[in-house]
Protein backbone atom coordinates (compact mmCIF):
# COMPACT_ATOMS: atom_id res chain seq x y z
CA MET A 1 -62.47 46.00 -21.70
CA SER A 2 -64.98 47.88 -23.82
CA ALA A 3 -65.50 46.73 -27.41
CA ASP A 4 -63.51 49.67 -28.79
CA GLU A 5 -60.77 49.21 -26.12
CA THR A 6 -61.12 52.74 -24.75
CA GLU A 7 -62.49 51.76 -21.32
CA LEU A 8 -60.64 49.35 -19.03
CA PHE A 9 -62.48 48.18 -15.90
CA PHE A 10 -60.47 46.42 -13.22
CA MET A 11 -60.24 45.57 -9.54
CA SER A 12 -57.63 47.11 -7.26
CA GLY A 13 -56.80 47.02 -3.57
CA ARG A 14 -55.08 50.42 -3.74
CA ASN A 15 -57.58 52.00 -1.30
CA GLY A 16 -57.17 49.37 1.40
CA GLN A 17 -59.94 47.10 0.11
CA GLU A 18 -60.85 45.63 -3.26
CA ASP A 19 -62.84 48.13 -5.32
CA LEU A 20 -63.73 48.50 -8.99
CA PHE A 21 -62.03 51.17 -11.11
CA VAL A 22 -62.09 52.38 -14.70
CA SER A 23 -59.37 53.90 -16.84
CA LYS A 24 -60.15 55.60 -20.15
CA ARG A 25 -58.30 56.67 -23.28
CA PRO A 26 -59.43 58.54 -26.40
CA SER A 27 -58.29 55.82 -28.81
CA ARG A 28 -56.75 52.35 -28.88
CA GLU A 29 -53.32 53.83 -29.59
CA SER A 30 -53.47 56.39 -26.73
CA PRO A 31 -52.07 55.88 -23.21
CA TRP A 32 -54.45 55.02 -20.39
CA GLY A 33 -55.77 57.83 -18.19
CA GLU A 34 -55.70 58.03 -14.41
CA PRO A 35 -57.98 55.31 -12.94
CA ALA A 36 -61.16 56.44 -11.19
CA SER A 37 -63.25 54.52 -8.68
CA LEU A 38 -66.70 53.50 -9.89
CA GLY A 39 -68.10 55.11 -6.75
CA ASP A 40 -70.56 54.26 -4.01
CA SER A 41 -73.33 53.09 -6.31
CA VAL A 42 -71.14 50.16 -7.38
CA ASN A 43 -68.44 49.69 -4.72
CA ASP A 44 -69.40 48.71 -1.18
CA ALA A 45 -68.05 50.82 1.69
CA THR A 46 -66.89 47.85 3.79
CA GLY A 47 -66.89 44.76 1.54
CA ASP A 48 -64.61 43.75 -1.32
CA ASP A 49 -65.73 44.02 -4.95
CA PHE A 50 -63.87 42.04 -7.62
CA SER A 51 -64.03 39.59 -10.57
CA LEU A 52 -65.72 41.98 -13.01
CA ARG A 53 -66.88 41.47 -16.59
CA LEU A 54 -68.36 44.07 -18.97
CA ALA A 55 -71.25 43.15 -21.27
CA ALA A 56 -70.55 43.37 -24.99
CA ASN A 57 -72.73 46.48 -25.37
CA GLY A 58 -70.99 48.20 -22.45
CA LEU A 59 -74.27 48.81 -20.60
CA ALA A 60 -74.01 46.13 -17.90
CA LEU A 61 -71.12 45.40 -15.57
CA TYR A 62 -71.18 42.07 -13.74
CA PHE A 63 -68.97 41.45 -10.71
CA ALA A 64 -68.61 39.56 -7.43
CA SER A 65 -68.66 40.92 -3.88
CA ASN A 66 -68.47 39.69 -0.30
CA ARG A 67 -70.47 42.68 0.97
CA ALA A 68 -72.87 42.25 3.88
CA GLY A 69 -76.35 40.93 3.18
CA GLY A 70 -75.29 38.33 0.65
CA PHE A 71 -76.05 34.62 0.43
CA GLY A 72 -72.57 33.19 0.91
CA ALA A 73 -68.80 33.64 0.78
CA ALA A 74 -69.13 35.84 -2.33
CA ASP A 75 -72.11 36.63 -4.55
CA LEU A 76 -72.75 37.82 -8.09
CA TYR A 77 -73.98 41.38 -8.76
CA VAL A 78 -74.71 43.59 -11.75
CA THR A 79 -74.85 47.33 -12.34
CA THR A 80 -76.28 48.92 -15.48
CA ARG A 81 -76.28 52.27 -17.28
CA ASP A 82 -78.58 53.75 -19.92
CA SER A 83 -75.78 54.73 -22.30
CA LEU A 84 -71.99 54.78 -22.44
CA ASP A 85 -71.87 58.37 -21.16
CA ARG A 86 -74.30 57.87 -18.24
CA ALA A 87 -73.54 56.94 -14.63
CA TRP A 88 -73.80 53.39 -13.32
CA ARG A 89 -76.92 52.53 -11.32
CA ARG A 90 -76.76 51.02 -7.84
CA ALA A 91 -75.57 47.43 -8.09
CA ILE A 92 -78.07 44.65 -7.41
CA SER A 93 -77.61 41.00 -6.49
CA LEU A 94 -78.33 38.37 -9.12
CA GLY A 95 -80.38 36.57 -6.48
CA PRO A 96 -80.63 33.12 -4.87
CA VAL A 97 -80.92 31.13 -8.10
CA LEU A 98 -77.28 31.95 -8.91
CA ASN A 99 -75.91 32.87 -5.47
CA THR A 100 -75.48 30.19 -2.80
CA ALA A 101 -73.60 29.73 0.47
CA ALA A 102 -70.50 29.03 -1.66
CA PHE A 103 -68.07 31.46 -3.36
CA GLU A 104 -69.39 32.65 -6.74
CA ALA A 105 -67.27 34.93 -8.90
CA PHE A 106 -66.40 36.11 -12.44
CA PRO A 107 -69.93 36.37 -13.88
CA THR A 108 -69.23 36.49 -17.62
CA PRO A 109 -72.04 37.23 -20.09
CA SER A 110 -72.12 35.81 -23.60
CA PRO A 111 -72.06 38.29 -26.53
CA ASP A 112 -75.88 38.39 -26.69
CA GLY A 113 -76.14 38.76 -22.89
CA ASN A 114 -78.42 35.73 -22.43
CA THR A 115 -75.87 33.17 -21.23
CA LEU A 116 -73.81 33.71 -18.11
CA TYR A 117 -70.68 31.78 -17.16
CA PHE A 118 -69.22 31.98 -13.65
CA ASN A 119 -67.16 29.96 -11.19
CA ARG A 120 -68.33 28.42 -7.93
CA SER A 121 -66.19 27.01 -5.12
CA THR A 122 -66.19 26.54 -1.35
CA THR A 123 -63.72 29.41 -0.82
CA PHE A 124 -61.90 31.80 -3.14
CA ASP A 125 -58.84 29.52 -3.36
CA SER A 126 -60.29 26.04 -2.87
CA PRO A 127 -59.45 23.32 -5.45
CA ASP A 128 -63.13 22.43 -5.93
CA SER A 129 -63.78 25.48 -8.13
CA ASP A 130 -65.70 24.71 -11.34
CA ILE A 131 -67.17 26.77 -14.15
CA TRP A 132 -70.97 26.93 -14.24
CA VAL A 133 -73.39 28.26 -16.84
CA THR A 134 -76.93 29.63 -16.83
CA SER A 135 -79.14 31.13 -19.52
CA ARG A 136 -82.33 33.12 -20.07
CA PRO A 137 -84.62 33.66 -23.10
CA ASP A 138 -84.08 37.44 -23.12
CA ALA A 139 -82.87 40.34 -20.99
CA ASN A 140 -86.24 40.69 -19.26
CA SER A 141 -86.43 37.05 -18.15
CA PRO A 142 -84.91 35.48 -15.02
CA TRP A 143 -81.81 33.32 -15.12
CA ALA A 144 -82.39 29.55 -15.16
CA GLU A 145 -80.97 27.18 -12.57
CA PRO A 146 -77.21 27.02 -13.34
CA GLN A 147 -75.37 23.82 -14.26
CA PRO A 148 -71.65 22.94 -14.15
CA LEU A 149 -70.01 22.75 -17.58
CA GLY A 150 -68.64 19.31 -16.80
CA PRO A 151 -65.69 17.65 -18.56
CA PRO A 152 -63.53 18.31 -20.44
CA VAL A 153 -63.56 21.94 -19.19
CA ASN A 154 -64.11 21.09 -15.52
CA GLY A 155 -61.75 18.53 -14.06
CA PRO A 156 -60.50 17.37 -10.66
CA ARG A 157 -58.58 20.62 -10.08
CA ALA A 158 -59.75 24.24 -9.90
CA GLU A 159 -61.17 26.01 -12.98
CA PHE A 160 -62.26 29.64 -12.72
CA SER A 161 -62.38 33.14 -14.26
CA PRO A 162 -64.08 32.22 -17.56
CA SER A 163 -64.11 34.53 -20.58
CA ILE A 164 -66.06 33.94 -23.78
CA SER A 165 -64.98 35.20 -27.21
CA ALA A 166 -67.21 37.53 -29.24
CA ASP A 167 -68.23 34.70 -31.59
CA GLY A 168 -69.04 32.41 -28.64
CA LEU A 169 -66.68 29.69 -29.91
CA SER A 170 -63.70 30.06 -27.55
CA LEU A 171 -63.83 29.80 -23.77
CA TYR A 172 -60.78 31.07 -21.92
CA PHE A 173 -60.28 30.30 -18.23
CA ALA A 174 -57.68 29.83 -15.50
CA SER A 175 -56.82 26.49 -13.96
CA ASP A 176 -54.19 24.56 -12.06
CA HIS A 177 -54.70 21.58 -14.39
CA ASP A 178 -51.95 18.96 -14.15
CA GLY A 179 -49.17 19.61 -16.64
CA ASN A 180 -49.40 23.39 -16.39
CA LEU A 181 -46.46 25.76 -16.66
CA GLY A 182 -47.13 27.74 -13.50
CA SER A 183 -49.18 27.15 -10.40
CA ILE A 184 -52.17 28.63 -12.29
CA ASP A 185 -52.28 29.05 -16.08
CA ILE A 186 -54.72 30.32 -18.70
CA TRP A 187 -56.30 27.68 -20.94
CA VAL A 188 -58.74 27.78 -23.86
CA SER A 189 -61.46 25.38 -25.00
CA THR A 190 -63.03 25.78 -28.45
CA ARG A 191 -66.04 24.54 -30.39
CA THR A 192 -67.08 24.74 -34.05
CA ARG A 193 -70.67 25.87 -33.46
CA ALA A 194 -72.51 27.37 -30.50
CA ALA A 195 -74.57 24.19 -30.17
CA ASP A 196 -71.48 21.97 -29.96
CA ALA A 197 -69.81 20.70 -26.79
CA TRP A 198 -66.61 22.37 -25.62
CA GLY A 199 -63.39 20.68 -26.74
CA VAL A 200 -60.43 19.52 -24.70
CA PRO A 201 -58.70 22.61 -23.23
CA ARG A 202 -55.18 23.56 -24.29
CA ASN A 203 -52.64 25.62 -22.39
CA LEU A 204 -51.91 29.06 -23.94
CA GLY A 205 -48.18 28.47 -23.54
CA THR A 206 -45.15 30.47 -22.46
CA ASN A 207 -46.06 33.71 -24.26
CA ILE A 208 -48.86 34.11 -21.68
CA ASN A 209 -48.15 31.76 -18.78
CA ALA A 210 -44.95 31.78 -16.71
CA ALA A 211 -43.25 28.94 -14.86
CA GLY A 212 -44.15 29.14 -11.19
CA GLY A 213 -46.46 32.09 -11.84
CA MET A 214 -50.15 32.69 -11.29
CA THR A 215 -51.89 33.80 -14.51
CA LEU A 216 -55.64 34.27 -14.47
CA ALA A 217 -58.69 36.38 -15.35
CA PRO A 218 -58.28 36.33 -19.15
CA PHE A 219 -60.35 38.70 -21.27
CA ILE A 220 -60.25 38.40 -25.05
CA THR A 221 -61.07 41.54 -27.02
CA SER A 222 -64.05 41.65 -29.38
CA ASN A 223 -61.81 41.42 -32.46
CA ASN A 224 -59.54 38.72 -30.97
CA ARG A 225 -56.53 41.00 -31.39
CA ALA A 226 -55.48 41.01 -27.74
CA ILE A 227 -55.93 39.19 -24.47
CA TYR A 228 -55.85 41.06 -21.17
CA PHE A 229 -55.20 39.21 -17.91
CA MET A 230 -53.88 39.39 -14.36
CA ALA A 231 -50.63 37.73 -13.35
CA ALA A 232 -48.17 37.39 -10.49
CA ARG A 233 -44.72 36.17 -11.47
CA PRO A 234 -42.29 34.54 -9.00
CA ASP A 235 -39.79 36.95 -7.43
CA THR A 236 -36.86 34.72 -8.47
CA THR A 237 -36.39 31.56 -10.49
CA SER A 238 -35.83 29.64 -7.26
CA ALA A 239 -38.94 31.02 -5.52
CA ALA A 240 -41.80 28.74 -4.61
CA PRO A 241 -44.65 28.72 -7.17
CA CYS A 242 -47.27 31.40 -6.66
CA THR A 243 -50.56 30.51 -4.99
CA PRO A 244 -53.65 32.65 -4.36
CA ARG A 245 -52.64 32.96 -0.72
CA THR A 246 -49.02 33.97 -1.37
CA CYS A 247 -49.22 36.06 -4.55
CA PHE A 248 -52.69 37.64 -4.67
CA GLY A 249 -51.35 40.99 -3.44
CA ARG A 250 -48.79 41.09 -6.29
CA LEU A 251 -51.22 40.66 -9.19
CA ASP A 252 -50.74 43.16 -12.01
CA LEU A 253 -52.53 43.76 -15.31
CA TYR A 254 -50.97 42.46 -18.55
CA VAL A 255 -51.87 42.43 -22.24
CA ALA A 256 -50.67 40.23 -25.08
CA VAL A 257 -51.36 41.22 -28.69
CA ALA A 258 -51.93 38.58 -31.34
CA THR A 259 -49.45 38.23 -34.19
CA CYS A 260 -50.18 36.84 -37.63
CA HIS A 261 -47.90 34.35 -39.37
CA GLN A 262 -47.83 33.92 -43.14
């Protein structure tokens, strides 16, 4: 989601493979326009492209792909543009410092663009997924060797699809932590200052997560007024809980708007 909430970038399998699309609207109160593919400079003709995150300034779009010529099961890529009304350049790999033989996805830049969170696992649905982080001094410098976030964010189960708030003090992510409402829920960890360690994650609860459902890929807007995410809900109350293997094809886009209480 762009900072002004007039551009929505998302992944869809509507063309027979996973590609990246954008939908636009003239204002936050207007309906979304017809989605358009980001085209050949971004999407690969034979591979899948997914797990995308837009930089705060709207000029860089990070994503994952299993296209040919990569380092592993899925790699991290970025495409850039000179201004909000210019076309996206051809996507480039983030290279072997970040990409390995494993499955890397959801590259999520911090508000200043110099910290990058992502998840790494053996396969796209393996329980060993953890959230990793890397940084750089400035936009012209290379990314440093990434490190796992460690506890309490990473635990014995899968954690993935991170999203950082505009102030850098809240980290949203998906996990199948024990005690969750669905098979996969959205959680949030907070800290008081950017230099502090992340706190114990808390489940976002039943307004977002659904019993037996798969709720993931959170994105918090720049003003914290709304959270966008993907979800697959069980077909019936008696249905087996969703898993990435059984419900991936039923994922839809959702939004929840924050309410204020006096």
